[in-house]
Protein backbone atom coordinates (compact mmCIF):
# COMPACT_ATOMS: atom_id res chain seq x y z
CA MET A 1 2.51 19.31 11.66
CA LYS A 2 5.01 16.68 10.51
CA ILE A 3 5.04 16.11 6.74
CA ALA A 4 7.20 13.80 4.61
CA VAL A 5 7.36 14.46 0.86
CA SER A 6 8.42 11.67 -1.49
CA GLY A 7 8.25 10.70 -5.15
CA LYS A 8 10.30 9.68 -8.16
CA GLY A 9 13.42 11.69 -8.92
CA GLY A 10 12.43 14.65 -11.08
CA ALA A 11 8.76 14.50 -10.05
CA GLY A 12 9.04 17.84 -8.27
CA LYS A 13 9.02 16.69 -4.65
CA THR A 14 11.76 19.11 -3.57
CA THR A 15 9.89 22.08 -5.05
CA VAL A 16 6.74 20.91 -3.24
CA ALA A 17 8.67 20.42 0.02
CA ALA A 18 10.25 23.88 -0.29
CA GLY A 19 6.82 25.41 -0.95
CA LEU A 20 5.36 23.78 2.17
CA VAL A 21 8.34 24.97 4.24
CA TYR A 22 7.81 28.51 2.95
CA LEU A 23 4.06 28.48 3.65
CA LEU A 24 4.47 27.13 7.18
CA ALA A 25 7.21 29.68 7.96
CA ARG A 26 5.11 32.49 6.46
CA ASP A 27 2.25 31.53 8.77
CA GLY A 28 4.45 31.89 11.84
CA TYR A 29 5.59 28.31 12.41
CA THR A 30 9.19 27.47 13.18
CA VAL A 31 9.93 24.84 10.54
CA TYR A 32 12.64 22.19 10.44
CA ALA A 33 13.33 21.61 6.74
CA VAL A 34 15.04 18.22 6.65
CA ASP A 35 16.79 17.18 3.45
CA ALA A 36 16.68 13.38 3.66
CA ASP A 37 17.45 12.90 -0.05
CA PRO A 38 21.08 11.94 -0.79
CA ASP A 39 20.89 14.33 -3.78
CA ALA A 40 20.40 17.18 -1.23
CA THR A 41 18.91 20.10 -3.17
CA LEU A 42 16.32 21.38 -0.67
CA GLY A 43 18.67 24.08 0.63
CA LEU A 44 19.38 25.36 -2.87
CA THR A 45 15.66 25.38 -3.71
CA LEU A 46 14.95 27.39 -0.55
CA GLY A 47 17.62 29.89 -1.63
CA PHE A 48 20.30 29.22 0.98
CA PRO A 49 23.66 30.52 -0.38
CA PRO A 50 25.70 27.71 -2.02
CA ALA A 51 28.83 28.74 -0.11
CA GLU A 52 26.94 28.40 3.18
CA LEU A 53 25.53 25.03 2.18
CA ALA A 54 28.99 23.79 1.16
CA ARG A 55 30.20 24.27 4.73
CA VAL A 56 27.50 21.99 6.15
CA THR A 57 28.45 18.36 6.75
CA PRO A 58 25.56 15.90 6.31
CA LEU A 59 24.73 14.28 9.64
CA VAL A 60 25.59 10.77 8.46
CA GLU A 61 29.19 11.94 7.83
CA LEU A 62 29.77 13.29 11.36
CA LYS A 63 31.97 10.32 12.28
CA GLU A 64 33.37 11.68 15.55
CA VAL A 65 30.00 12.97 16.73
CA ILE A 66 28.31 9.67 15.88
CA GLN A 67 31.00 7.74 17.73
CA GLU A 68 30.70 9.99 20.79
CA LYS A 69 26.89 9.92 20.84
CA SER A 70 26.63 6.19 20.29
CA GLY A 71 29.05 5.36 23.10
CA GLY A 72 32.44 4.81 21.53
CA SER A 73 33.77 2.42 18.91
CA GLY A 74 32.92 -0.97 20.42
CA ALA A 75 30.46 -3.54 19.17
CA TYR A 76 27.72 -2.29 21.49
CA PHE A 77 26.32 1.20 21.07
CA ASN A 78 23.50 3.46 22.21
CA LEU A 79 20.47 3.07 19.93
CA ASN A 80 18.79 6.23 21.24
CA PRO A 81 21.42 8.89 22.01
CA ASP A 82 20.60 12.42 23.16
CA VAL A 83 20.96 14.54 20.01
CA ASP A 84 19.32 17.87 20.93
CA ASP A 85 22.71 19.61 20.81
CA VAL A 86 23.39 18.09 17.37
CA ILE A 87 20.17 19.55 15.99
CA ALA A 88 21.11 22.99 17.32
CA ALA A 89 24.71 22.84 16.11
CA TYR A 90 24.20 21.38 12.63
CA SER A 91 21.20 23.28 11.28
CA LEU A 92 21.26 26.43 9.15
CA SER A 93 18.80 29.18 10.09
CA ARG A 94 16.99 31.68 7.93
CA GLY A 95 14.04 33.42 9.55
CA ASN A 96 11.71 30.71 10.89
CA ILE A 97 13.41 27.98 8.85
CA ARG A 98 15.97 25.52 10.24
CA LEU A 99 17.63 23.46 7.49
CA MET A 100 19.25 20.09 8.20
CA LEU A 101 21.02 17.71 5.82
CA MET A 102 20.73 14.02 6.71
CA GLY A 103 22.90 12.39 4.03
CA GLY A 104 22.39 8.94 2.56
CA VAL A 105 21.39 5.93 4.64
CA LYS A 106 24.09 3.30 4.56
CA GLN A 107 23.07 -0.12 3.29
CA GLY A 108 23.80 -3.54 4.74
CA GLY A 109 27.43 -4.52 4.33
CA SER A 110 28.72 -0.97 4.83
CA ALA A 111 31.07 -0.39 7.72
CA CYS A 112 29.22 0.68 10.90
CA TYR A 113 25.99 1.29 9.01
CA CYS A 114 23.88 0.25 12.04
CA ARG A 115 25.56 2.86 14.24
CA GLU A 116 25.11 5.66 11.69
CA ASN A 117 21.53 4.74 10.84
CA SER A 118 20.64 4.57 14.54
CA PHE A 119 22.07 8.07 14.94
CA LEU A 120 19.96 9.39 12.03
CA ASN A 121 16.86 7.70 13.46
CA ALA A 122 17.55 9.33 16.83
CA VAL A 123 17.77 12.75 15.15
CA LEU A 124 14.52 12.17 13.26
CA ASN A 125 12.71 10.90 16.34
CA THR A 126 13.85 13.94 18.32
CA LEU A 127 12.71 16.31 15.57
CA LEU A 128 9.34 14.59 15.22
CA ASP A 129 8.78 14.86 18.99
CA LYS A 130 9.26 18.63 18.91
CA GLN A 131 6.36 21.09 18.89
CA GLU A 132 7.71 22.81 15.77
CA ALA A 133 6.66 21.92 12.23
CA VAL A 134 8.84 19.47 10.28
CA VAL A 135 8.98 18.94 6.52
CA LEU A 136 11.06 15.97 5.30
CA ASP A 137 12.23 15.95 1.68
CA MET A 138 12.63 12.20 1.19
CA SER A 139 14.21 10.00 -1.44
CA ALA A 140 11.85 7.78 -3.44
CA GLY A 141 12.39 4.80 -1.17
CA ILE A 142 11.76 6.72 2.11
CA GLU A 143 14.78 4.88 3.56
CA HIS A 144 15.15 7.30 6.47
CA LEU A 145 11.77 6.31 7.91
CA THR A 146 11.55 3.21 10.09
CA ARG A 147 8.53 1.91 11.95
CA GLY A 148 9.60 3.99 14.95
CA THR A 149 10.10 7.29 13.15
CA ALA A 150 7.07 6.82 10.89
CA GLN A 151 4.79 7.01 13.93
CA GLY A 152 5.81 10.65 14.32
CA VAL A 153 4.84 11.62 10.76
CA ASP A 154 1.31 13.04 10.40
CA LEU A 155 1.27 12.84 6.63
CA ILE A 156 3.28 11.66 3.64
CA ILE A 157 2.68 13.48 0.36
CA VAL A 158 3.65 11.36 -2.63
CA VAL A 159 4.36 13.54 -5.68
CA ALA A 160 3.43 11.76 -8.90
CA GLU A 161 4.12 12.71 -12.53
CA PRO A 162 1.60 11.54 -15.16
CA THR A 163 3.98 8.92 -16.57
CA ARG A 164 4.18 5.15 -16.18
CA ALA A 165 7.40 5.48 -14.15
CA GLY A 166 5.86 8.24 -12.07
CA VAL A 167 2.76 6.32 -11.02
CA LYS A 168 4.74 3.11 -10.50
CA THR A 169 7.08 4.83 -8.03
CA ALA A 170 4.17 6.63 -6.36
CA GLY A 171 2.34 3.34 -5.86
CA LEU A 172 5.43 1.74 -4.34
CA VAL A 173 5.97 4.63 -1.94
CA CYS A 174 2.31 4.49 -0.86
CA LYS A 175 2.69 0.75 -0.23
CA LEU A 176 5.85 1.28 1.86
CA ALA A 177 4.16 4.07 3.82
CA ARG A 178 1.20 1.83 4.64
CA GLU A 179 3.54 -0.94 5.76
CA LEU A 180 5.29 1.54 8.07
CA GLY A 181 1.97 2.49 9.60
CA ILE A 182 1.77 6.08 8.39
CA ALA A 183 -1.85 7.10 8.86
CA GLY A 184 -2.02 10.00 6.41
CA ILE A 185 -1.04 9.23 2.79
CA LYS A 186 -1.91 11.59 -0.05
CA VAL A 187 -0.91 11.68 -3.72
CA LEU A 188 -0.20 15.03 -5.35
CA GLY A 189 -0.25 15.01 -9.16
CA ASN A 190 2.40 17.33 -10.60
CA LYS A 191 3.41 18.73 -14.01
CA ILE A 192 -0.14 18.39 -15.32
CA ARG A 193 -0.83 19.79 -18.80
CA ARG A 194 -4.15 18.19 -19.75
CA GLU A 195 -7.24 16.72 -18.09
CA GLU A 196 -6.26 13.32 -19.51
CA GLU A 197 -3.15 13.34 -17.33
CA LYS A 198 -5.26 13.77 -14.20
CA GLU A 199 -7.34 10.79 -15.28
CA PHE A 200 -4.15 8.80 -15.93
CA ILE A 201 -3.06 9.30 -12.31
CA ARG A 202 -6.52 8.52 -10.94
CA ARG A 203 -6.67 5.35 -13.05
CA HIS A 204 -3.27 4.03 -11.99
CA LEU A 205 -3.52 4.98 -8.30
CA PRO A 206 -7.17 4.10 -7.68
CA GLY A 207 -6.87 3.32 -3.99
CA GLU A 208 -4.98 6.45 -3.01
CA THR A 209 -6.35 9.75 -1.72
CA ILE A 210 -5.42 12.48 -4.19
CA ALA A 211 -4.73 15.83 -2.54
CA GLY A 212 -4.81 17.77 -5.80
CA PHE A 213 -3.04 18.48 -9.07
CA LEU A 214 -0.37 21.06 -9.85
CA PRO A 215 0.02 22.31 -13.44
CA TYR A 216 3.27 22.16 -15.38
CA ALA A 217 4.98 25.53 -14.87
CA ASP A 218 7.79 26.99 -16.96
CA LYS A 219 8.74 29.29 -14.07
CA VAL A 220 9.67 26.30 -11.89
CA TRP A 221 11.96 24.95 -14.63
CA GLU A 222 13.48 28.40 -15.23
CA ARG A 223 14.09 28.89 -11.52
CA SER A 224 16.00 25.60 -11.34
CA MET A 225 18.56 27.01 -13.80
CA GLU A 226 19.24 30.25 -11.91
CA GLU A 227 22.81 30.57 -10.65
CA GLN A 228 22.04 32.53 -7.47
CA LEU A 229 18.68 32.23 -5.72
CA THR A 230 18.03 34.80 -3.01
CA GLY A 231 15.33 32.88 -1.19
CA PHE A 232 11.94 31.32 -1.75
CA GLY A 233 8.94 33.62 -1.97
CA ALA A 234 5.28 33.72 -2.92
CA GLY A 235 6.20 34.07 -6.60
CA ASP A 236 8.11 30.77 -6.47
CA LEU A 237 5.16 28.70 -5.25
CA PRO A 238 3.84 26.16 -7.77
CA ALA A 239 0.33 27.18 -8.83
CA GLY A 240 -2.25 25.41 -6.68
CA LEU A 241 0.12 24.39 -3.86
CA GLU A 242 -1.27 26.91 -1.38
CA GLU A 243 -4.78 25.48 -1.86
CA VAL A 244 -3.39 21.98 -1.13
CA TYR A 245 -1.59 23.36 1.95
CA VAL A 246 -4.77 24.99 3.30
CA HIS A 247 -6.69 21.75 2.73
CA ILE A 248 -4.01 19.75 4.58
CA LEU A 249 -4.00 22.13 7.57
CA ARG A 250 -7.80 22.14 7.72
CA GLU A 251 -7.87 18.32 7.79
CA GLU A 252 -5.12 18.25 10.42
CA MET A 253 -7.02 20.63 12.70
CA LYS A 254 -10.24 18.64 12.17
CA GLY A 255 -8.44 15.42 13.14
CA LYS A 256 -7.22 16.92 16.42
CA LYS A 257 -10.67 18.04 17.61
């Protein structure tokens, strides 16, 4: 199962991604938890020690490795380098979870951005070709996904808050995902307090498949302020996320029959 999670900043996508990583690992899957958001908080949310996370260099900043893998410093470089050893060397392990930090995609005009982005795409393609589960915590613009990598994603979950900004971003992400050819696109309403907020999301995202709604939860906010998290457990799951997870797995199994 290969899942990308996206949404507006603050919508709760990292908490949702962490919950899906936990549930997949709990059920016996080896899970690659890929933090593809430049803000990079998936590791903290999963409870990896801050000191351990601080020692991890985001893949996009591995200048010497990128140069070696892409074939030196000339104008021509390898667009599809072998990166299996990179995945093994630059991931943090905890139980069944393998955490990787991608770093920010460089934009046009940045030095060597094509080389670095090709390296990140090679890493993503390699991960998405593996038998293990992958959960990608994306930025709102899903910049890390290209038409090539998107073909390896089974599903993108777009987390939407019941606000005008929230549904606007969710609609844009759904549009980008369709343009990339991602077959499975689902909206997950989050931070819901009233039935009217569910209707607000349905009204503003009428063409999208809604996977469910998660209620606003004080415990999620309180957890985000804790200085030292010791992991991510059943008590940290947003209410209703496990039901969404079961529904997603059931649909995935049905689609493979």
